C-alpha atoms as a PDB file:
ATOM      1  CA  UNK A   1       0.000   0.000   0.000  1.00  0.00           C
ATOM      2  CA  UNK A   2       1.386   3.385  -1.045  1.00  0.00           C
ATOM      3  CA  UNK A   3       1.242   6.552   1.065  1.00  0.00           C
ATOM      4  CA  UNK A   4      -0.588   8.697  -1.490  1.00  0.00           C
ATOM      5  CA  UNK A   5       0.122  11.967   0.322  1.00  0.00           C
ATOM      6  CA  UNK A   6       3.850  11.281   0.039  1.00  0.00           C
ATOM      7  CA  UNK A   7       3.397  10.020  -3.522  1.00  0.00           C
ATOM      8  CA  UNK A   8       1.852  13.349  -4.560  1.00  0.00           C
ATOM      9  CA  UNK A   9       4.931  15.253  -3.414  1.00  0.00           C
ATOM     10  CA  UNK A  10       7.292  12.747  -5.029  1.00  0.00           C
ATOM     11  CA  UNK A  11       5.337  12.917  -8.296  1.00  0.00           C
ATOM     12  CA  UNK A  12       5.388  16.731  -8.323  1.00  0.00           C
ATOM     13  CA  UNK A  13       9.112  16.812  -7.543  1.00  0.00           C
ATOM     14  CA  UNK A  14       9.899  14.434 -10.407  1.00  0.00           C
ATOM     15  CA  UNK A  15       7.743  16.282 -12.964  1.00  0.00           C
ATOM     16  CA  UNK A  16       9.047  19.691 -11.920  1.00  0.00           C
ATOM     17  CA  UNK A  17      12.617  18.456 -12.165  1.00  0.00           C
ATOM     18  CA  UNK A  18      11.811  17.644 -15.794  1.00  0.00           C
ATOM     19  CA  UNK A  19      10.695  21.242 -16.400  1.00  0.00           C
ATOM     20  CA  UNK A  20       6.925  20.996 -15.876  1.00  0.00           C
ATOM     21  CA  UNK A  21       5.488  23.863 -13.808  1.00  0.00           C
ATOM     22  CA  UNK A  22       2.275  22.102 -12.659  1.00  0.00           C
ATOM     23  CA  UNK A  23       0.938  25.239 -10.984  1.00  0.00           C
ATOM     24  CA  UNK A  24      -2.615  23.947 -10.587  1.00  0.00           C
ATOM     25  CA  UNK A  25      -1.861  20.240 -10.300  1.00  0.00           C
ATOM     26  CA  UNK A  26      -0.666  20.254  -6.698  1.00  0.00           C
ATOM     27  CA  UNK A  27      -3.899  21.572  -5.213  1.00  0.00           C
ATOM     28  CA  UNK A  28      -6.029  19.247  -7.347  1.00  0.00           C
ATOM     29  CA  UNK A  29      -3.953  16.169  -6.544  1.00  0.00           C
ATOM     30  CA  UNK A  30      -4.000  16.872  -2.820  1.00  0.00           C
ATOM     31  CA  UNK A  31      -7.745  17.409  -3.018  1.00  0.00           C
ATOM     32  CA  UNK A  32      -8.114  14.028  -4.744  1.00  0.00           C
ATOM     33  CA  UNK A  33      -6.093  12.228  -2.076  1.00  0.00           C
ATOM     34  CA  UNK A  34      -8.172  13.919   0.637  1.00  0.00           C
ATOM     35  CA  UNK A  35     -11.287  12.845  -1.282  1.00  0.00           C
ATOM     36  CA  UNK A  36     -10.028   9.252  -1.000  1.00  0.00           C
ATOM     37  CA  UNK A  37      -9.192   9.664   2.714  1.00  0.00           C
ATOM     38  CA  UNK A  38     -12.706  10.903   3.420  1.00  0.00           C
ATOM     39  CA  UNK A  39     -14.043   7.656   1.935  1.00  0.00           C
ATOM     40  CA  UNK A  40     -11.557   5.448   3.740  1.00  0.00           C
ATOM     41  CA  UNK A  41      -9.896   4.419   0.471  1.00  0.00           C
ATOM     42  CA  UNK A  42      -6.146   3.854   0.080  1.00  0.00           C
ATOM     43  CA  UNK A  43      -5.895   2.637  -3.502  1.00  0.00           C
ATOM     44  CA  UNK A  44      -6.681   4.562  -6.696  1.00  0.00           C
ATOM     45  CA  UNK A  45      -9.477   3.035  -8.728  1.00  0.00           C
ATOM     46  CA  UNK A  46     -11.155   4.158 -11.936  1.00  0.00           C
ATOM     47  CA  UNK A  47     -14.484   4.641 -10.138  1.00  0.00           C
ATOM     48  CA  UNK A  48     -12.887   6.867  -7.483  1.00  0.00           C
ATOM     49  CA  UNK A  49     -11.042   8.939 -10.072  1.00  0.00           C
ATOM     50  CA  UNK A  50     -14.194   9.497 -12.142  1.00  0.00           C
ATOM     51  CA  UNK A  51     -16.259  10.301  -9.046  1.00  0.00           C
ATOM     52  CA  UNK A  52     -13.751  12.956  -7.996  1.00  0.00           C
ATOM     53  CA  UNK A  53     -13.370  14.383 -11.516  1.00  0.00           C
ATOM     54  CA  UNK A  54     -17.132  14.873 -11.896  1.00  0.00           C
ATOM     55  CA  UNK A  55     -17.786  16.017  -8.319  1.00  0.00           C
ATOM     56  CA  UNK A  56     -18.250  19.666  -9.346  1.00  0.00           C
ATOM     57  CA  UNK A  57     -21.576  18.834 -11.013  1.00  0.00           C
ATOM     58  CA  UNK A  58     -22.053  22.310 -12.504  1.00  0.00           C
ATOM     59  CA  UNK A  59     -18.642  22.362 -14.227  1.00  0.00           C
ATOM     60  CA  UNK A  60     -18.239  22.012 -17.976  1.00  0.00           C
ATOM     61  CA  UNK A  61     -17.522  18.466 -19.281  1.00  0.00           C
ATOM     62  CA  UNK A  62     -14.187  19.745 -20.556  1.00  0.00           C
ATOM     63  CA  UNK A  63     -13.248  20.560 -16.952  1.00  0.00           C
ATOM     64  CA  UNK A  64     -14.179  17.032 -15.894  1.00  0.00           C
ATOM     65  CA  UNK A  65     -11.972  15.619 -18.643  1.00  0.00           C
ATOM     66  CA  UNK A  66      -9.069  17.830 -17.602  1.00  0.00           C
ATOM     67  CA  UNK A  67      -9.408  16.863 -13.919  1.00  0.00           C
ATOM     68  CA  UNK A  68      -9.442  13.182 -14.841  1.00  0.00           C
ATOM     69  CA  UNK A  69      -6.364  13.557 -17.067  1.00  0.00           C
ATOM     70  CA  UNK A  70      -4.431  14.968 -14.096  1.00  0.00           C
ATOM     71  CA  UNK A  71      -5.376  11.933 -12.017  1.00  0.00           C
ATOM     72  CA  UNK A  72      -4.566   9.589 -14.912  1.00  0.00           C
ATOM     73  CA  UNK A  73      -0.978  10.821 -15.105  1.00  0.00           C
ATOM     74  CA  UNK A  74      -0.605  10.619 -11.339  1.00  0.00           C
ATOM     75  CA  UNK A  75      -2.082   7.101 -11.303  1.00  0.00           C
ATOM     76  CA  UNK A  76       0.463   5.977 -13.909  1.00  0.00           C
ATOM     77  CA  UNK A  77       3.210   7.123 -11.556  1.00  0.00           C
ATOM     78  CA  UNK A  78       1.654   5.429  -8.526  1.00  0.00           C
ATOM     79  CA  UNK A  79       1.192   2.215 -10.526  1.00  0.00           C
ATOM     80  CA  UNK A  80       4.997   1.909 -10.741  1.00  0.00           C
ATOM     81  CA  UNK A  81       4.984   1.809  -6.933  1.00  0.00           C
ATOM     82  CA  UNK A  82       1.838  -0.278  -6.494  1.00  0.00           C
ATOM     83  CA  UNK A  83       0.840  -2.409  -9.527  1.00  0.00           C
ATOM     84  CA  UNK A  84      -2.702  -2.800  -8.166  1.00  0.00           C
ATOM     85  CA  UNK A  85      -3.377   0.890  -8.905  1.00  0.00           C
ATOM     86  CA  UNK A  86      -6.003   1.406 -11.619  1.00  0.00           C
ATOM     87  CA  UNK A  87      -5.307   3.948 -14.364  1.00  0.00           C
ATOM     88  CA  UNK A  88      -8.394   5.559 -15.968  1.00  0.00           C
ATOM     89  CA  UNK A  89      -8.488   4.931 -19.746  1.00  0.00           C
ATOM     90  CA  UNK A  90      -7.829   7.914 -21.994  1.00  0.00           C
ATOM     91  CA  UNK A  91     -11.325   7.747 -23.549  1.00  0.00           C
ATOM     92  CA  UNK A  92     -13.139   8.132 -20.221  1.00  0.00           C
ATOM     93  CA  UNK A  93     -15.128  11.387 -20.047  1.00  0.00           C
ATOM     94  CA  UNK A  94     -14.122  11.991 -23.657  1.00  0.00           C
ATOM     95  CA  UNK A  95     -14.997  15.501 -24.801  1.00  0.00           C
ATOM     96  CA  UNK A  96     -14.432  17.060 -28.188  1.00  0.00           C
ATOM     97  CA  UNK A  97     -13.586  20.734 -27.936  1.00  0.00           C
ATOM     98  CA  UNK A  98     -15.994  22.969 -29.827  1.00  0.00           C
ATOM     99  CA  UNK A  99     -15.132  26.478 -30.841  1.00  0.00           C
ATOM    100  CA  UNK A 100     -17.340  29.068 -29.118  1.00  0.00           C
ATOM    101  CA  UNK A 101     -20.127  30.696 -31.091  1.00  0.00           C
ATOM    102  CA  UNK A 102     -19.045  34.187 -32.094  1.00  0.00           C
ATOM    103  CA  UNK A 103     -20.521  37.470 -30.965  1.00  0.00           C
ATOM    104  CA  UNK A 104     -19.931  39.967 -33.769  1.00  0.00           C
ATOM    105  CA  UNK A 105     -20.275  43.682 -33.090  1.00  0.00           C
ATOM    106  CA  UNK A 106     -22.104  45.985 -35.451  1.00  0.00           C
ATOM    107  CA  UNK A 107     -20.581  49.377 -36.282  1.00  0.00           C
ATOM    108  CA  UNK A 108     -23.296  51.058 -34.221  1.00  0.00           C
ATOM    109  CA  UNK A 109     -22.500  48.883 -31.202  1.00  0.00           C
ATOM    110  CA  UNK A 110     -18.800  49.734 -31.409  1.00  0.00           C
ATOM    111  CA  UNK A 111     -19.637  53.432 -31.623  1.00  0.00           C
ATOM    112  CA  UNK A 112     -22.001  53.062 -28.645  1.00  0.00           C
ATOM    113  CA  UNK A 113     -19.293  51.392 -26.537  1.00  0.00           C
ATOM    114  CA  UNK A 114     -16.769  54.097 -27.405  1.00  0.00           C
ATOM    115  CA  UNK A 115     -19.385  56.708 -26.594  1.00  0.00           C
ATOM    116  CA  UNK A 116     -19.990  55.082 -23.228  1.00  0.00           C
ATOM    117  CA  UNK A 117     -16.238  55.034 -22.614  1.00  0.00           C
ATOM    118  CA  UNK A 118     -16.203  58.800 -23.191  1.00  0.00           C
ATOM    119  CA  UNK A 119     -18.367  59.215 -20.071  1.00  0.00           C
ATOM    120  CA  UNK A 120     -15.799  57.575 -17.785  1.00  0.00           C
ATOM    121  CA  UNK A 121     -14.124  59.723 -15.162  1.00  0.00           C
ATOM    122  CA  UNK A 122     -11.609  61.222 -14.998  1.00  0.00           C
ATOM    123  CA  UNK A 123     -11.122  62.309 -18.601  1.00  0.00           C
ATOM    124  CA  UNK A 124      -7.790  60.493 -18.994  1.00  0.00           C
ATOM    125  CA  UNK A 125      -9.462  57.181 -18.104  1.00  0.00           C
ATOM    126  CA  UNK A 126     -12.136  57.921 -20.694  1.00  0.00           C
ATOM    127  CA  UNK A 127      -9.530  58.584 -23.386  1.00  0.00           C
ATOM    128  CA  UNK A 128      -7.608  55.429 -22.444  1.00  0.00           C
ATOM    129  CA  UNK A 129     -10.621  53.164 -22.883  1.00  0.00           C
ATOM    130  CA  UNK A 130     -11.849  54.930 -26.006  1.00  0.00           C
ATOM    131  CA  UNK A 131      -8.442  54.478 -27.622  1.00  0.00           C
ATOM    132  CA  UNK A 132      -8.050  50.896 -26.440  1.00  0.00           C
ATOM    133  CA  UNK A 133     -11.470  49.835 -27.758  1.00  0.00           C
ATOM    134  CA  UNK A 134     -10.813  51.628 -31.042  1.00  0.00           C
ATOM    135  CA  UNK A 135      -7.460  49.891 -31.422  1.00  0.00           C
ATOM    136  CA  UNK A 136      -8.899  46.433 -30.760  1.00  0.00           C
ATOM    137  CA  UNK A 137     -11.765  47.029 -33.180  1.00  0.00           C
ATOM    138  CA  UNK A 138      -9.582  48.310 -36.028  1.00  0.00           C
ATOM    139  CA  UNK A 139      -6.675  45.865 -35.777  1.00  0.00           C
ATOM    140  CA  UNK A 140      -8.133  42.675 -34.295  1.00  0.00           C
ATOM    141  CA  UNK A 141      -5.171  42.349 -31.956  1.00  0.00           C
ATOM    142  CA  UNK A 142      -5.518  40.390 -28.741  1.00  0.00           C
ATOM    143  CA  UNK A 143      -6.188  42.335 -25.536  1.00  0.00           C
ATOM    144  CA  UNK A 144      -2.958  41.038 -23.976  1.00  0.00           C
ATOM    145  CA  UNK A 145      -0.994  42.262 -26.974  1.00  0.00           C
ATOM    146  CA  UNK A 146      -2.479  45.744 -26.665  1.00  0.00           C
ATOM    147  CA  UNK A 147      -1.821  45.931 -22.921  1.00  0.00           C
ATOM    148  CA  UNK A 148       1.797  44.830 -23.373  1.00  0.00           C
ATOM    149  CA  UNK A 149       2.542  47.588 -25.887  1.00  0.00           C
ATOM    150  CA  UNK A 150       5.303  49.988 -24.877  1.00  0.00           C
ATOM    151  CA  UNK A 151       5.729  53.527 -26.120  1.00  0.00           C
ATOM    152  CA  UNK A 152       8.491  52.478 -28.505  1.00  0.00           C
ATOM    153  CA  UNK A 153       6.211  49.873 -30.110  1.00  0.00           C
ATOM    154  CA  UNK A 154       3.787  52.450 -31.514  1.00  0.00           C
ATOM    155  CA  UNK A 155       4.955  54.529 -34.492  1.00  0.00           C
ATOM    156  CA  UNK A 156       2.484  57.094 -35.771  1.00  0.00           C
ATOM    157  CA  UNK A 157       5.002  58.276 -38.355  1.00  0.00           C
ATOM    158  CA  UNK A 158       5.389  54.820 -39.888  1.00  0.00           C
ATOM    159  CA  UNK A 159       1.732  53.985 -39.235  1.00  0.00           C
ATOM    160  CA  UNK A 160       2.601  50.654 -37.672  1.00  0.00           C
ATOM    161  CA  UNK A 161       2.669  48.819 -34.346  1.00  0.00           C
ATOM    162  CA  UNK A 162       5.254  46.262 -33.290  1.00  0.00           C
ATOM    163  CA  UNK A 163       3.758  43.429 -31.258  1.00  0.00           C
ATOM    164  CA  UNK A 164       6.471  41.572 -29.381  1.00  0.00           C
ATOM    165  CA  UNK A 165       6.518  38.037 -27.993  1.00  0.00           C
ATOM    166  CA  UNK A 166       2.899  37.196 -28.701  1.00  0.00           C
ATOM    167  CA  UNK A 167       0.815  34.184 -27.724  1.00  0.00           C
ATOM    168  CA  UNK A 168       3.189  31.864 -29.576  1.00  0.00           C
ATOM    169  CA  UNK A 169       6.401  33.670 -28.670  1.00  0.00           C
ATOM    170  CA  UNK A 170       6.713  35.460 -32.013  1.00  0.00           C
ATOM    171  CA  UNK A 171       6.794  39.150 -32.869  1.00  0.00           C
ATOM    172  CA  UNK A 172       5.121  40.889 -35.794  1.00  0.00           C
ATOM    173  CA  UNK A 173       4.618  44.355 -37.263  1.00  0.00           C
ATOM    174  CA  UNK A 174       1.000  45.452 -37.743  1.00  0.00           C
ATOM    175  CA  UNK A 175       0.285  48.299 -40.219  1.00  0.00           C
ATOM    176  CA  UNK A 176      -2.574  50.580 -39.144  1.00  0.00           C
ATOM    177  CA  UNK A 177      -4.840  52.993 -40.994  1.00  0.00           C
ATOM    178  CA  UNK A 178      -3.706  56.647 -40.939  1.00  0.00           C
ATOM    179  CA  UNK A 179      -6.737  57.592 -38.822  1.00  0.00           C
ATOM    180  CA  UNK A 180      -5.774  54.936 -36.272  1.00  0.00           C
ATOM    181  CA  UNK A 181      -2.187  56.210 -36.225  1.00  0.00           C
ATOM    182  CA  UNK A 182      -3.475  59.760 -35.643  1.00  0.00           C
ATOM    183  CA  UNK A 183      -5.733  58.631 -32.777  1.00  0.00           C
ATOM    184  CA  UNK A 184      -2.837  56.763 -31.150  1.00  0.00           C
ATOM    185  CA  UNK A 185      -0.620  59.840 -31.401  1.00  0.00           C
ATOM    186  CA  UNK A 186      -3.309  62.028 -29.808  1.00  0.00           C
ATOM    187  CA  UNK A 187      -3.535  59.537 -26.953  1.00  0.00           C
ATOM    188  CA  UNK A 188       0.247  59.463 -26.614  1.00  0.00           C
ATOM    189  CA  UNK A 189       0.370  63.246 -26.128  1.00  0.00           C
ATOM    190  CA  UNK A 190      -2.320  63.103 -23.439  1.00  0.00           C
ATOM    191  CA  UNK A 191      -0.616  60.095 -21.879  1.00  0.00           C
ATOM    192  CA  UNK A 192       2.718  61.876 -21.620  1.00  0.00           C
ATOM    193  CA  UNK A 193       1.087  64.994 -20.187  1.00  0.00           C
ATOM    194  CA  UNK A 194      -0.819  62.922 -17.639  1.00  0.00           C
ATOM    195  CA  UNK A 195       2.297  60.962 -16.652  1.00  0.00           C
ATOM    196  CA  UNK A 196       4.288  64.063 -15.692  1.00  0.00           C
ATOM    197  CA  UNK A 197       5.139  63.941 -12.007  1.00  0.00           C
ATOM    198  CA  UNK A 198       3.993  60.335 -11.661  1.00  0.00           C
ATOM    199  CA  UNK A 199       5.979  57.093 -11.665  1.00  0.00           C
ATOM    200  CA  UNK A 200       6.484  56.431 -15.365  1.00  0.00           C
ATOM    201  CA  UNK A 201       5.837  53.107 -17.014  1.00  0.00           C
ATOM    202  CA  UNK A 202       7.034  52.187 -20.479  1.00  0.00           C
ATOM    203  CA  UNK A 203       3.498  50.973 -21.177  1.00  0.00           C
ATOM    204  CA  UNK A 204       1.665  52.775 -23.964  1.00  0.00           C
ATOM    205  CA  UNK A 205      -1.678  52.468 -22.185  1.00  0.00           C
ATOM    206  CA  UNK A 206      -1.556  53.800 -18.638  1.00  0.00           C
ATOM    207  CA  UNK A 207      -3.761  53.343 -15.604  1.00  0.00           C
ATOM    208  CA  UNK A 208      -4.676  56.323 -13.435  1.00  0.00           C
ATOM    209  CA  UNK A 209      -1.695  55.435 -11.230  1.00  0.00           C
ATOM    210  CA  UNK A 210       0.676  55.703 -14.159  1.00  0.00           C
ATOM    211  CA  UNK A 211       1.193  51.934 -14.390  1.00  0.00           C
ATOM    212  CA  UNK A 212       0.398  49.325 -17.019  1.00  0.00           C
ATOM    213  CA  UNK A 213      -3.285  48.447 -17.273  1.00  0.00           C
ATOM    214  CA  UNK A 214      -4.284  45.132 -15.691  1.00  0.00           C
ATOM    215  CA  UNK A 215      -6.429  42.868 -17.840  1.00  0.00           C
ATOM    216  CA  UNK A 216      -8.720  42.040 -14.909  1.00  0.00           C
ATOM    217  CA  UNK A 217      -9.539  45.736 -14.475  1.00  0.00           C
ATOM    218  CA  UNK A 218     -10.020  46.207 -18.221  1.00  0.00           C
ATOM    219  CA  UNK A 219     -12.507  43.321 -18.311  1.00  0.00           C
ATOM    220  CA  UNK A 220     -14.329  44.763 -15.305  1.00  0.00           C
ATOM    221  CA  UNK A 221     -14.579  48.228 -16.861  1.00  0.00           C
ATOM    222  CA  UNK A 222     -15.628  46.802 -20.216  1.00  0.00           C
ATOM    223  CA  UNK A 223     -18.364  44.798 -18.506  1.00  0.00           C
ATOM    224  CA  UNK A 224     -19.696  48.015 -17.000  1.00  0.00           C
ATOM    225  CA  UNK A 225     -19.670  49.670 -20.436  1.00  0.00           C
ATOM    226  CA  UNK A 226     -21.562  46.722 -21.940  1.00  0.00           C
ATOM    227  CA  UNK A 227     -24.202  47.008 -19.218  1.00  0.00           C
ATOM    228  CA  UNK A 228     -24.423  50.761 -19.709  1.00  0.00           C
ATOM    229  CA  UNK A 229     -25.044  50.359 -23.435  1.00  0.00           C
ATOM    230  CA  UNK A 230     -27.428  47.464 -22.845  1.00  0.00           C
ATOM    231  CA  UNK A 231     -25.629  44.947 -25.047  1.00  0.00           C
ATOM    232  CA  UNK A 232     -26.593  41.294 -24.653  1.00  0.00           C
ATOM    233  CA  UNK A 233     -25.931  38.099 -26.607  1.00  0.00           C
ATOM    234  CA  UNK A 234     -28.165  37.721 -29.631  1.00  0.00           C
ATOM    235  CA  UNK A 235     -30.042  34.517 -30.372  1.00  0.00           C
ATOM    236  CA  UNK A 236     -27.491  31.898 -31.319  1.00  0.00           C
ATOM    237  CA  UNK A 237     -24.459  34.058 -30.512  1.00  0.00           C
ATOM    238  CA  UNK A 238     -21.804  33.805 -27.854  1.00  0.00           C
ATOM    239  CA  UNK A 239     -21.181  36.141 -24.938  1.00  0.00           C
ATOM    240  CA  UNK A 240     -20.339  39.828 -25.373  1.00  0.00           C
ATOM    241  CA  UNK A 241     -16.579  39.828 -24.821  1.00  0.00           C
ATOM    242  CA  UNK A 242     -13.575  41.961 -25.597  1.00  0.00           C
ATOM    243  CA  UNK A 243     -12.256  39.144 -27.786  1.00  0.00           C
ATOM    244  CA  UNK A 244     -15.320  39.717 -29.952  1.00  0.00           C
ATOM    245  CA  UNK A 245     -13.541  42.705 -31.493  1.00  0.00           C
ATOM    246  CA  UNK A 246     -10.942  40.307 -32.908  1.00  0.00           C
ATOM    247  CA  UNK A 247     -13.659  38.073 -34.347  1.00  0.00           C
ATOM    248  CA  UNK A 248     -15.517  41.079 -35.767  1.00  0.00           C
ATOM    249  CA  UNK A 249     -12.402  42.519 -37.426  1.00  0.00           C
ATOM    250  CA  UNK A 250     -11.555  39.183 -39.032  1.00  0.00           C
ATOM    251  CA  UNK A 251     -15.055  38.484 -40.338  1.00  0.00           C
ATOM    252  CA  UNK A 252     -15.448  42.064 -41.627  1.00  0.00           C
ATOM    253  CA  UNK A 253     -12.121  41.874 -43.464  1.00  0.00           C
ATOM    254  CA  UNK A 254     -13.018  38.618 -45.227  1.00  0.00           C
ATOM    255  CA  UNK A 255     -16.516  39.905 -46.013  1.00  0.00           C
ATOM    256  CA  UNK A 256     -15.039  43.048 -47.600  1.00  0.00           C
ATOM    257  CA  UNK A 257     -12.740  40.909 -49.745  1.00  0.00           C
ATOM    258  CA  UNK A 258     -15.729  39.051 -51.115  1.00  0.00           C
ATOM    259  CA  UNK A 259     -17.596  42.309 -51.686  1.00  0.00           C
ATOM    260  CA  UNK A 260     -14.717  43.793 -53.694  1.00  0.00           C
ATOM    261  CA  UNK A 261     -13.976  40.611 -55.621  1.00  0.00           C
ATOM    262  CA  UNK A 262     -10.544  39.979 -54.135  1.00  0.00           C
ATOM    263  CA  UNK A 263      -9.040  36.452 -54.171  1.00  0.00           C
ATOM    264  CA  UNK A 264      -9.891  35.374 -50.633  1.00  0.00           C
ATOM    265  CA  UNK A 265      -7.964  32.084 -50.753  1.00  0.00           C
ATOM    266  CA  UNK A 266      -4.665  33.840 -51.493  1.00  0.00           C
ATOM    267  CA  UNK A 267      -5.370  36.696 -49.076  1.00  0.00           C
ATOM    268  CA  UNK A 268      -6.142  34.560 -46.029  1.00  0.00           C
ATOM    269  CA  UNK A 269      -2.503  33.654 -45.273  1.00  0.00           C
ATOM    270  CA  UNK A 270      -1.739  37.394 -45.171  1.00  0.00           C
ATOM    271  CA  UNK A 271      -4.592  37.972 -42.724  1.00  0.00           C
ATOM    272  CA  UNK A 272      -3.375  35.011 -40.689  1.00  0.00           C
ATOM    273  CA  UNK A 273       0.081  36.609 -40.382  1.00  0.00           C
ATOM    274  CA  UNK A 274      -1.480  39.989 -39.521  1.00  0.00           C
ATOM    275  CA  UNK A 275      -3.523  38.423 -36.708  1.00  0.00           C
ATOM    276  CA  UNK A 276      -0.580  36.439 -35.389  1.00  0.00           C
ATOM    277  CA  UNK A 277      -2.182  33.039 -35.984  1.00  0.00           C
ATOM    278  CA  UNK A 278       0.293  30.180 -35.840  1.00  0.00           C
ATOM    279  CA  UNK A 279      -1.037  28.887 -39.181  1.00  0.00           C
ATOM    280  CA  UNK A 280      -3.814  29.772 -41.675  1.00  0.00           C
ATOM    281  CA  UNK A 281      -6.092  26.983 -40.406  1.00  0.00           C
ATOM    282  CA  UNK A 282      -6.942  29.180 -37.411  1.00  0.00           C
ATOM    283  CA  UNK A 283      -8.119  31.862 -39.835  1.00  0.00           C
ATOM    284  CA  UNK A 284     -10.018  29.449 -42.111  1.00  0.00           C
ATOM    285  CA  UNK A 285     -12.103  28.593 -39.053  1.00  0.00           C
ATOM    286  CA  UNK A 286     -13.887  31.952 -39.319  1.00  0.00           C
ATOM    287  CA  UNK A 287     -15.173  31.036 -42.763  1.00  0.00           C
ATOM    288  CA  UNK A 288     -16.370  27.629 -41.603  1.00  0.00           C
ATOM    289  CA  UNK A 289     -18.210  28.787 -38.494  1.00  0.00           C
ATOM    290  CA  UNK A 290     -19.694  32.101 -39.643  1.00  0.00           C
ATOM    291  CA  UNK A 291     -22.906  31.450 -41.639  1.00  0.00           C
ATOM    292  CA  UNK A 292     -22.587  34.680 -43.634  1.00  0.00           C
ATOM    293  CA  UNK A 293     -19.026  33.903 -44.741  1.00  0.00           C
ATOM    294  CA  UNK A 294     -19.868  30.286 -45.436  1.00  0.00           C
ATOM    295  CA  UNK A 295     -22.668  31.384 -47.765  1.00  0.00           C
ATOM    296  CA  UNK A 296     -20.400  33.900 -49.499  1.00  0.00           C
ATOM    297  CA  UNK A 297     -17.716  31.243 -49.968  1.00  0.00           C
ATOM    298  CA  UNK A 298     -20.260  28.930 -51.591  1.00  0.00           C
ATOM    299  CA  UNK A 299     -21.716  31.694 -53.775  1.00  0.00           C
ATOM    300  CA  UNK A 300     -18.276  32.670 -55.048  1.00  0.00           C
ATOM    301  CA  UNK A 301     -17.148  29.083 -55.552  1.00  0.00           C
ATOM    302  CA  UNK A 302     -14.320  29.716 -53.095  1.00  0.00           C
ATOM    303  CA  UNK A 303     -11.584  27.132 -52.689  1.00  0.00           C
ATOM    304  CA  UNK A 304     -10.879  28.382 -49.172  1.00  0.00           C
ATOM    305  CA  UNK A 305     -12.621  25.474 -47.481  1.00  0.00           C
ATOM    306  CA  UNK A 306     -10.382  22.964 -49.211  1.00  0.00           C
ATOM    307  CA  UNK A 307      -7.522  24.135 -47.064  1.00  0.00           C
ATOM    308  CA  UNK A 308      -9.218  22.770 -43.951  1.00  0.00           C
ATOM    309  CA  UNK A 309      -9.718  19.207 -45.171  1.00  0.00           C
END
């Protein structure tokens, strides 16, 4: 019989020595062992592992699958110490990830959100959120990318933004429309004036304390703006989120290509690079899951969908 409490620590030490961080695993594994203690059990079984994984009955099935996978790996380790240990099969609690349904903003909704941002106090906070929302809507960049921008990354003269060390560890240069470049330069002047006499941060977007904006606070403020405007998910759409600006930009760009007769199939890899997707398949997804674009692709006899087979 194996001391599972000791086995958890040994397992974590071995995995971490191999370079795995396992930030969330420790708490979950210790909770599982306590779950077994509470039931007077000393040996891992498939039934116990599944019961623990699905204990949070309101959680998403994907969460259950993830919890069980953590126990599965731990059980494999324990089985080397105690062969009687049962390892849950990989197909237990199988769940196929499904992309979320998109919420796409209309032009009027974007204007309404920016108008609501203009009412924030003090005025510098209002300008910060107006500019941030405008940037996300006109470039489709990720929120984290925008918040990590430094002053030196934004060039109004060259009408481009350098996004460094993105989601996949790569950097890219994003051209922007002249009106976007002008708006960013106006914000920069106000930002530099506001920052005088305060602790300076290299961040392009500043909080009222003169520090880099925190994503948790941005989400909280954006939620208040959404409530103020009265936005809510439409029938069949996903939640109203900041990431929706990225979806909206991408769909609008592809839709405009169809409207102007441009070769969408050859343009998509360029859009993929602009968005910082690791490969064009991530961009093709928008065509497949957006009814409007799917219809346009069929009407124009597009070969885009062949790239996803």
